[in-house]
Amino acid sequence: MSRLKGKVAIVTGAASGIGKAAVELFRSEGATVIGADVAQGADLVLDAADDHAVLQVVDAVASDHGGLDIVFANAGISGGFASIAEQSAADWAEILRVNLVGPFLAIKHSAPHLQARGGGSIICTGSVAGLRSGAGGAAYSASKAGVINLVQTAAQQLSGSNIRVNAICPGLIETGMTKPIYDMARDRRQGHRIGELTPLGRGGEPIEIARAALFLASDESSYVNGQALVVDGGLASSHPTARRFDIRML
């Protein structure tokens, strides 16, 4: 198919997991995609929370490819499940730097290029942890709540530009970031219990989030703006009962 034919896109956190799946899917739909990641394995090495580096990459991509249409600010870190009492100020700041400053910079530096093309789509990765407590550590949850408010604020501030800004809020997806949780559960022969967290009875896969990103990137979502699209197998809807056991005890 060609839902993104002729579009130019940047995806951060592209070396693995959701970002890698999105790069592959966007390309299959006709887009020119530049994947960036702080780790090796993407088209570019980029600290997505480095102001100068993000500006350079965004400007270079727009210059090299005649413009920019789509940005998927997906880079993030989990920071584990440290409690507020256990969390150091330095770790707290680093989690917010990557997870919240990164999307802020993506919006800030890409918006002028999208506006020059007559509009476009900016997608930021949030989380169900940003909607309800208990789905992540304190710093991670706070950072993802910030992402959700950021896209709403950006959508409002970019009124009249035809730029749509939305968040995707994944549930428990098996990626490099969540691998320790899955590995711990399987080592204890409790892997099946991860599925008990959701009404669908299973964890999610990166491609399922990438498909949601494709929807938000494409014209199929032309009237979707300032939203937090939850893709979690029902985790958020069942959250109170799902907490009948602690994910850390799997």
C-alpha atoms as a PDB file:
ATOM      1  CA  MET A   1       0.000   0.000   0.000  1.00  0.00           C
ATOM      2  CA  SER A   2       1.033   3.651  -0.190  1.00  0.00           C
ATOM      3  CA  ARG A   3      -0.641   5.571   2.600  1.00  0.00           C
ATOM      4  CA  LEU A   4       2.544   7.602   3.125  1.00  0.00           C
ATOM      5  CA  LYS A   5       3.672   7.904  -0.492  1.00  0.00           C
ATOM      6  CA  GLY A   6       5.862  10.976  -1.005  1.00  0.00           C
ATOM      7  CA  LYS A   7       6.106  11.717   2.721  1.00  0.00           C
ATOM      8  CA  VAL A   8       9.346  12.317   4.609  1.00  0.00           C
ATOM      9  CA  ALA A   9       9.502  11.044   8.193  1.00  0.00           C
ATOM     10  CA  ILE A  10      11.862  10.983  11.158  1.00  0.00           C
ATOM     11  CA  VAL A  11      11.513   8.262  13.797  1.00  0.00           C
ATOM     12  CA  THR A  12      13.515   8.355  17.031  1.00  0.00           C
ATOM     13  CA  GLY A  13      14.222   5.315  19.165  1.00  0.00           C
ATOM     14  CA  ALA A  14      14.485   3.506  15.835  1.00  0.00           C
ATOM     15  CA  ALA A  15      17.117   0.857  16.547  1.00  0.00           C
ATOM     16  CA  SER A  16      14.725  -1.608  18.152  1.00  0.00           C
ATOM     17  CA  GLY A  17      11.213  -2.296  19.360  1.00  0.00           C
ATOM     18  CA  ILE A  18       8.413   0.090  18.463  1.00  0.00           C
ATOM     19  CA  GLY A  19      10.670   2.517  16.609  1.00  0.00           C
ATOM     20  CA  LYS A  20      12.202  -0.155  14.404  1.00  0.00           C
ATOM     21  CA  ALA A  21       8.779  -1.586  13.597  1.00  0.00           C
ATOM     22  CA  ALA A  22       7.520   1.893  12.706  1.00  0.00           C
ATOM     23  CA  VAL A  23      10.461   2.583  10.392  1.00  0.00           C
ATOM     24  CA  GLU A  24       9.839  -0.648   8.498  1.00  0.00           C
ATOM     25  CA  LEU A  25       6.079  -0.102   8.308  1.00  0.00           C
ATOM     26  CA  PHE A  26       6.322   3.535   7.211  1.00  0.00           C
ATOM     27  CA  ARG A  27       8.765   2.561   4.462  1.00  0.00           C
ATOM     28  CA  SER A  28       6.462  -0.199   3.276  1.00  0.00           C
ATOM     29  CA  GLU A  29       3.759   2.459   2.935  1.00  0.00           C
ATOM     30  CA  GLY A  30       5.891   4.635   0.652  1.00  0.00           C
ATOM     31  CA  ALA A  31       7.557   7.085   3.026  1.00  0.00           C
ATOM     32  CA  THR A  32      11.175   8.158   3.038  1.00  0.00           C
ATOM     33  CA  VAL A  33      12.120   7.406   6.643  1.00  0.00           C
ATOM     34  CA  ILE A  34      15.185   8.426   8.609  1.00  0.00           C
ATOM     35  CA  GLY A  35      15.529   6.415  11.794  1.00  0.00           C
ATOM     36  CA  ALA A  36      17.581   7.811  14.666  1.00  0.00           C
ATOM     37  CA  ASP A  37      18.680   6.293  17.955  1.00  0.00           C
ATOM     38  CA  VAL A  38      21.264   6.865  20.656  1.00  0.00           C
ATOM     39  CA  ALA A  39      22.353   3.256  20.051  1.00  0.00           C
ATOM     40  CA  GLN A  40      23.792   1.756  16.891  1.00  0.00           C
ATOM     41  CA  GLY A  41      21.358   0.124  14.488  1.00  0.00           C
ATOM     42  CA  ALA A  42      19.469   3.091  13.034  1.00  0.00           C
ATOM     43  CA  ASP A  43      20.272   5.419  10.128  1.00  0.00           C
ATOM     44  CA  LEU A  44      21.627   8.087  12.468  1.00  0.00           C
ATOM     45  CA  VAL A  45      23.055   8.151  15.976  1.00  0.00           C
ATOM     46  CA  LEU A  46      21.152  10.785  17.940  1.00  0.00           C
ATOM     47  CA  ASP A  47      20.520  11.747  21.542  1.00  0.00           C
ATOM     48  CA  ALA A  48      16.890  12.737  21.066  1.00  0.00           C
ATOM     49  CA  ALA A  49      17.055  15.041  24.109  1.00  0.00           C
ATOM     50  CA  ASP A  50      20.084  17.030  22.900  1.00  0.00           C
ATOM     51  CA  ASP A  51      18.784  20.393  21.708  1.00  0.00           C
ATOM     52  CA  HIS A  52      21.539  21.193  19.212  1.00  0.00           C
ATOM     53  CA  ALA A  53      21.734  17.646  17.845  1.00  0.00           C
ATOM     54  CA  VAL A  54      17.978  17.423  17.266  1.00  0.00           C
ATOM     55  CA  LEU A  55      17.946  20.783  15.495  1.00  0.00           C
ATOM     56  CA  GLN A  56      20.809  19.687  13.237  1.00  0.00           C
ATOM     57  CA  VAL A  57      19.160  16.392  12.304  1.00  0.00           C
ATOM     58  CA  VAL A  58      15.743  17.914  11.638  1.00  0.00           C
ATOM     59  CA  ASP A  59      17.201  20.704   9.502  1.00  0.00           C
ATOM     60  CA  ALA A  60      19.448  18.284   7.595  1.00  0.00           C
ATOM     61  CA  VAL A  61      16.643  15.837   6.838  1.00  0.00           C
ATOM     62  CA  ALA A  62      14.355  18.620   5.630  1.00  0.00           C
ATOM     63  CA  SER A  63      17.142  20.058   3.467  1.00  0.00           C
ATOM     64  CA  ASP A  64      18.246  16.714   2.011  1.00  0.00           C
ATOM     65  CA  HIS A  65      14.749  15.474   1.207  1.00  0.00           C
ATOM     66  CA  GLY A  66      12.945  18.663   0.269  1.00  0.00           C
ATOM     67  CA  GLY A  67      10.909  18.956   3.444  1.00  0.00           C
ATOM     68  CA  LEU A  68       9.524  17.062   6.406  1.00  0.00           C
ATOM     69  CA  ASP A  69       6.012  15.692   6.935  1.00  0.00           C
ATOM     70  CA  ILE A  70       6.038  13.265   9.856  1.00  0.00           C
ATOM     71  CA  VAL A  71       7.923  13.024  13.146  1.00  0.00           C
ATOM     72  CA  PHE A  72       7.520  10.073  15.500  1.00  0.00           C
ATOM     73  CA  ALA A  73       9.217  11.044  18.785  1.00  0.00           C
ATOM     74  CA  ASN A  74       9.466   7.569  20.206  1.00  0.00           C
ATOM     75  CA  ALA A  75      12.795   7.489  22.078  1.00  0.00           C
ATOM     76  CA  GLY A  76      12.439   6.715  25.767  1.00  0.00           C
ATOM     77  CA  ILE A  77      13.775   4.914  28.827  1.00  0.00           C
ATOM     78  CA  SER A  78      11.935   3.165  31.645  1.00  0.00           C
ATOM     79  CA  GLY A  79      14.117   3.769  34.688  1.00  0.00           C
ATOM     80  CA  GLY A  80      12.808   0.667  36.433  1.00  0.00           C
ATOM     81  CA  PHE A  81      10.286   0.541  39.272  1.00  0.00           C
ATOM     82  CA  ALA A  82      12.091   2.559  41.922  1.00  0.00           C
ATOM     83  CA  SER A  83       9.762   4.139  44.461  1.00  0.00           C
ATOM     84  CA  ILE A  84       9.851   7.867  45.111  1.00  0.00           C
ATOM     85  CA  ALA A  85      11.826   7.188  48.292  1.00  0.00           C
ATOM     86  CA  GLU A  86      14.355   5.088  46.375  1.00  0.00           C
ATOM     87  CA  GLN A  87      14.693   7.311  43.291  1.00  0.00           C
ATOM     88  CA  SER A  88      17.730   9.572  43.102  1.00  0.00           C
ATOM     89  CA  ALA A  89      17.284  13.120  41.857  1.00  0.00           C
ATOM     90  CA  ALA A  90      19.812  12.438  39.098  1.00  0.00           C
ATOM     91  CA  ASP A  91      17.923   9.385  37.816  1.00  0.00           C
ATOM     92  CA  TRP A  92      14.627  11.273  38.015  1.00  0.00           C
ATOM     93  CA  ALA A  93      16.051  14.136  35.951  1.00  0.00           C
ATOM     94  CA  GLU A  94      17.536  11.796  33.333  1.00  0.00           C
ATOM     95  CA  ILE A  95      14.248   9.953  32.807  1.00  0.00           C
ATOM     96  CA  LEU A  96      12.401  13.232  32.331  1.00  0.00           C
ATOM     97  CA  ARG A  97      15.171  14.522  30.061  1.00  0.00           C
ATOM     98  CA  VAL A  98      14.875  11.608  27.658  1.00  0.00           C
ATOM     99  CA  ASN A  99      11.133  10.981  27.871  1.00  0.00           C
ATOM    100  CA  LEU A 100       9.819  14.549  28.024  1.00  0.00           C
ATOM    101  CA  VAL A 101      12.515  16.928  26.794  1.00  0.00           C
ATOM    102  CA  GLY A 102      12.962  14.682  23.750  1.00  0.00           C
ATOM    103  CA  PRO A 103       9.370  15.064  22.484  1.00  0.00           C
ATOM    104  CA  PHE A 104       9.460  18.782  23.332  1.00  0.00           C
ATOM    105  CA  LEU A 105      12.515  19.248  21.108  1.00  0.00           C
ATOM    106  CA  ALA A 106      10.977  17.139  18.341  1.00  0.00           C
ATOM    107  CA  ILE A 107       7.905  19.360  18.287  1.00  0.00           C
ATOM    108  CA  LYS A 108       9.844  22.598  18.657  1.00  0.00           C
ATOM    109  CA  HIS A 109      12.317  21.963  15.857  1.00  0.00           C
ATOM    110  CA  SER A 110      10.109  20.087  13.389  1.00  0.00           C
ATOM    111  CA  ALA A 111       7.024  22.316  13.482  1.00  0.00           C
ATOM    112  CA  PRO A 112       8.481  25.064  11.231  1.00  0.00           C
ATOM    113  CA  HIS A 113       9.372  22.483   8.573  1.00  0.00           C
ATOM    114  CA  LEU A 114       5.959  20.836   8.717  1.00  0.00           C
ATOM    115  CA  GLN A 115       4.288  24.222   8.506  1.00  0.00           C
ATOM    116  CA  ALA A 116       6.341  25.016   5.401  1.00  0.00           C
ATOM    117  CA  ARG A 117       4.855  21.884   3.787  1.00  0.00           C
ATOM    118  CA  GLY A 118       1.331  22.989   4.619  1.00  0.00           C
ATOM    119  CA  GLY A 119       0.973  20.728   7.641  1.00  0.00           C
ATOM    120  CA  GLY A 120       1.919  17.299   8.874  1.00  0.00           C
ATOM    121  CA  SER A 121       1.816  14.919  11.804  1.00  0.00           C
ATOM    122  CA  ILE A 122       3.857  14.757  15.010  1.00  0.00           C
ATOM    123  CA  ILE A 123       3.447  11.641  17.126  1.00  0.00           C
ATOM    124  CA  CYS A 124       4.905  11.224  20.610  1.00  0.00           C
ATOM    125  CA  THR A 125       5.107   8.014  22.586  1.00  0.00           C
ATOM    126  CA  GLY A 126       3.264   8.285  25.877  1.00  0.00           C
ATOM    127  CA  SER A 127       2.162   5.327  28.001  1.00  0.00           C
ATOM    128  CA  VAL A 128      -0.752   4.014  30.005  1.00  0.00           C
ATOM    129  CA  ALA A 129       1.566   4.833  32.919  1.00  0.00           C
ATOM    130  CA  GLY A 130       0.909   8.476  32.099  1.00  0.00           C
ATOM    131  CA  LEU A 131      -2.826   7.924  32.495  1.00  0.00           C
ATOM    132  CA  ARG A 132      -3.008   5.841  35.670  1.00  0.00           C
ATOM    133  CA  SER A 133      -0.703   5.058  38.556  1.00  0.00           C
ATOM    134  CA  GLY A 134       0.856   1.673  39.096  1.00  0.00           C
ATOM    135  CA  ALA A 135       1.892   0.915  35.506  1.00  0.00           C
ATOM    136  CA  GLY A 136       5.440   2.236  35.887  1.00  0.00           C
ATOM    137  CA  GLY A 137       7.906   3.899  38.211  1.00  0.00           C
ATOM    138  CA  ALA A 138       7.237   7.391  39.534  1.00  0.00           C
ATOM    139  CA  ALA A 139       9.618   9.204  37.192  1.00  0.00           C
ATOM    140  CA  TYR A 140       8.514   7.223  34.141  1.00  0.00           C
ATOM    141  CA  SER A 141       4.842   7.803  34.924  1.00  0.00           C
ATOM    142  CA  ALA A 142       5.379  11.523  35.493  1.00  0.00           C
ATOM    143  CA  SER A 143       7.314  11.850  32.244  1.00  0.00           C
ATOM    144  CA  LYS A 144       4.602  10.125  30.232  1.00  0.00           C
ATOM    145  CA  ALA A 145       1.846  12.197  31.837  1.00  0.00           C
ATOM    146  CA  GLY A 146       3.892  15.189  30.734  1.00  0.00           C
ATOM    147  CA  VAL A 147       4.012  13.877  27.164  1.00  0.00           C
ATOM    148  CA  ILE A 148       0.230  13.631  27.051  1.00  0.00           C
ATOM    149  CA  ASN A 149      -0.193  17.211  28.258  1.00  0.00           C
ATOM    150  CA  LEU A 150       2.580  18.361  25.918  1.00  0.00           C
ATOM    151  CA  VAL A 151       0.818  17.087  22.799  1.00  0.00           C
ATOM    152  CA  GLN A 152      -2.442  18.688  23.891  1.00  0.00           C
ATOM    153  CA  THR A 153      -0.716  22.013  24.502  1.00  0.00           C
ATOM    154  CA  ALA A 154       1.227  21.800  21.240  1.00  0.00           C
ATOM    155  CA  ALA A 155      -1.915  20.999  19.269  1.00  0.00           C
ATOM    156  CA  GLN A 156      -3.517  24.131  20.677  1.00  0.00           C
ATOM    157  CA  GLN A 157      -0.476  26.350  20.134  1.00  0.00           C
ATOM    158  CA  LEU A 158      -0.126  25.157  16.536  1.00  0.00           C
ATOM    159  CA  SER A 159      -3.730  26.034  15.713  1.00  0.00           C
ATOM    160  CA  GLY A 160      -4.165  27.060  12.096  1.00  0.00           C
ATOM    161  CA  SER A 161      -0.962  25.371  10.915  1.00  0.00           C
ATOM    162  CA  ASN A 162      -2.572  22.077   9.843  1.00  0.00           C
ATOM    163  CA  ILE A 163      -0.055  20.283  12.050  1.00  0.00           C
ATOM    164  CA  ARG A 164      -1.582  17.487  14.104  1.00  0.00           C
ATOM    165  CA  VAL A 165       0.116  16.494  17.363  1.00  0.00           C
ATOM    166  CA  ASN A 166      -0.924  13.279  19.082  1.00  0.00           C
ATOM    167  CA  ALA A 167       0.379  10.712  21.550  1.00  0.00           C
ATOM    168  CA  ILE A 168       0.252   6.938  21.502  1.00  0.00           C
ATOM    169  CA  CYS A 169      -0.097   5.315  24.923  1.00  0.00           C
ATOM    170  CA  PRO A 170       1.103   1.708  24.740  1.00  0.00           C
ATOM    171  CA  GLY A 171       0.462  -0.843  27.421  1.00  0.00           C
ATOM    172  CA  LEU A 172       2.896  -3.655  28.187  1.00  0.00           C
ATOM    173  CA  ILE A 173       4.715  -4.253  24.900  1.00  0.00           C
ATOM    174  CA  GLU A 174       7.577  -6.741  24.568  1.00  0.00           C
ATOM    175  CA  THR A 175      10.553  -4.592  23.578  1.00  0.00           C
ATOM    176  CA  GLY A 176      14.138  -4.161  24.689  1.00  0.00           C
ATOM    177  CA  MET A 177      12.923  -1.765  27.369  1.00  0.00           C
ATOM    178  CA  THR A 178      10.500  -4.278  28.886  1.00  0.00           C
ATOM    179  CA  LYS A 179      12.702  -7.334  28.285  1.00  0.00           C
ATOM    180  CA  PRO A 180      13.807  -7.531  31.955  1.00  0.00           C
ATOM    181  CA  ILE A 181      10.174  -7.881  33.037  1.00  0.00           C
ATOM    182  CA  TYR A 182       9.458 -10.615  30.510  1.00  0.00           C
ATOM    183  CA  ASP A 183      12.729 -12.420  31.241  1.00  0.00           C
ATOM    184  CA  MET A 184      12.154 -12.316  34.989  1.00  0.00           C
ATOM    185  CA  ALA A 185       8.646 -13.713  34.602  1.00  0.00           C
ATOM    186  CA  ARG A 186       9.790 -16.492  32.273  1.00  0.00           C
ATOM    187  CA  ASP A 187      12.734 -17.390  34.499  1.00  0.00           C
ATOM    188  CA  ARG A 188      10.235 -17.919  37.306  1.00  0.00           C
ATOM    189  CA  ARG A 189       7.913 -19.839  34.967  1.00  0.00           C
ATOM    190  CA  GLN A 190       5.392 -17.047  35.363  1.00  0.00           C
ATOM    191  CA  GLY A 191       5.471 -15.679  31.811  1.00  0.00           C
ATOM    192  CA  HIS A 192       1.805 -16.544  31.305  1.00  0.00           C
ATOM    193  CA  ARG A 193       0.857 -14.166  34.117  1.00  0.00           C
ATOM    194  CA  ILE A 194       1.850 -11.109  32.094  1.00  0.00           C
ATOM    195  CA  GLY A 195      -1.229 -11.748  29.991  1.00  0.00           C
ATOM    196  CA  GLU A 196      -3.412 -11.616  33.089  1.00  0.00           C
ATOM    197  CA  LEU A 197      -2.840  -7.861  33.211  1.00  0.00           C
ATOM    198  CA  THR A 198      -5.069  -7.270  30.168  1.00  0.00           C
ATOM    199  CA  PRO A 199      -8.559  -8.360  29.104  1.00  0.00           C
ATOM    200  CA  LEU A 200      -7.015  -9.668  25.862  1.00  0.00           C
ATOM    201  CA  GLY A 201      -4.917 -12.046  27.920  1.00  0.00           C
ATOM    202  CA  ARG A 202      -1.538 -11.201  26.390  1.00  0.00           C
ATOM    203  CA  GLY A 203       1.130  -8.559  26.094  1.00  0.00           C
ATOM    204  CA  GLY A 204       1.461  -6.496  22.949  1.00  0.00           C
ATOM    205  CA  GLU A 205       3.936  -6.538  20.080  1.00  0.00           C
ATOM    206  CA  PRO A 206       5.835  -3.560  18.618  1.00  0.00           C
ATOM    207  CA  ILE A 207       4.065  -3.849  15.261  1.00  0.00           C
ATOM    208  CA  GLU A 208       0.721  -3.245  16.977  1.00  0.00           C
ATOM    209  CA  ILE A 209       1.960   0.141  18.184  1.00  0.00           C
ATOM    210  CA  ALA A 210       3.574   0.863  14.816  1.00  0.00           C
ATOM    211  CA  ARG A 211       0.191   0.354  13.129  1.00  0.00           C
ATOM    212  CA  ALA A 212      -1.321   2.954  15.438  1.00  0.00           C
ATOM    213  CA  ALA A 213       1.535   5.313  14.564  1.00  0.00           C
ATOM    214  CA  LEU A 214       0.856   4.708  10.865  1.00  0.00           C
ATOM    215  CA  PHE A 215      -2.769   5.687  11.382  1.00  0.00           C
ATOM    216  CA  LEU A 216      -1.756   8.919  13.108  1.00  0.00           C
ATOM    217  CA  ALA A 217       0.901   9.641  10.478  1.00  0.00           C
ATOM    218  CA  SER A 218      -1.457   9.145   7.555  1.00  0.00           C
ATOM    219  CA  ASP A 219      -4.351  11.169   6.196  1.00  0.00           C
ATOM    220  CA  GLU A 220      -6.690   8.551   7.661  1.00  0.00           C
ATOM    221  CA  SER A 221      -6.405  10.492  10.934  1.00  0.00           C
ATOM    222  CA  SER A 222      -6.824  13.918   9.318  1.00  0.00           C
ATOM    223  CA  TYR A 223      -9.257  15.083  12.023  1.00  0.00           C
ATOM    224  CA  VAL A 224      -7.432  13.554  14.999  1.00  0.00           C
ATOM    225  CA  ASN A 225      -5.479  16.155  16.955  1.00  0.00           C
ATOM    226  CA  GLY A 226      -4.361  16.634  20.559  1.00  0.00           C
ATOM    227  CA  GLN A 227      -5.304  13.080  21.508  1.00  0.00           C
ATOM    228  CA  ALA A 228      -3.766  10.256  23.527  1.00  0.00           C
ATOM    229  CA  LEU A 229      -4.497   7.050  21.614  1.00  0.00           C
ATOM    230  CA  VAL A 230      -4.397   4.109  24.024  1.00  0.00           C
ATOM    231  CA  VAL A 231      -3.154   0.812  22.561  1.00  0.00           C
ATOM    232  CA  ASP A 232      -2.934  -1.504  25.543  1.00  0.00           C
ATOM    233  CA  GLY A 233      -5.173  -4.542  25.151  1.00  0.00           C
ATOM    234  CA  GLY A 234      -7.546  -3.033  27.709  1.00  0.00           C
ATOM    235  CA  LEU A 235      -4.937  -2.606  30.453  1.00  0.00           C
ATOM    236  CA  ALA A 236      -6.020   0.915  31.408  1.00  0.00           C
ATOM    237  CA  SER A 237      -9.699  -0.018  31.459  1.00  0.00           C
ATOM    238  CA  SER A 238      -9.037  -2.958  33.781  1.00  0.00           C
ATOM    239  CA  HIS A 239      -6.321  -1.340  35.834  1.00  0.00           C
ATOM    240  CA  PRO A 240      -7.887  -1.553  39.328  1.00  0.00           C
ATOM    241  CA  THR A 241      -8.535  -5.307  39.113  1.00  0.00           C
ATOM    242  CA  ALA A 242      -5.320  -6.000  37.221  1.00  0.00           C
ATOM    243  CA  ARG A 243      -3.394  -4.876  40.281  1.00  0.00           C
ATOM    244  CA  ARG A 244      -4.383  -8.019  42.143  1.00  0.00           C
ATOM    245  CA  PHE A 245      -0.709  -8.842  41.822  1.00  0.00           C
ATOM    246  CA  ASP A 246       2.378  -6.682  41.523  1.00  0.00           C
ATOM    247  CA  ILE A 247       4.162  -6.913  38.170  1.00  0.00           C
ATOM    248  CA  ARG A 248       7.473  -6.793  40.028  1.00  0.00           C
ATOM    249  CA  MET A 249       6.570 -10.052  41.743  1.00  0.00           C
ATOM    250  CA  LEU A 250       6.011 -12.031  38.540  1.00  0.00           C
END
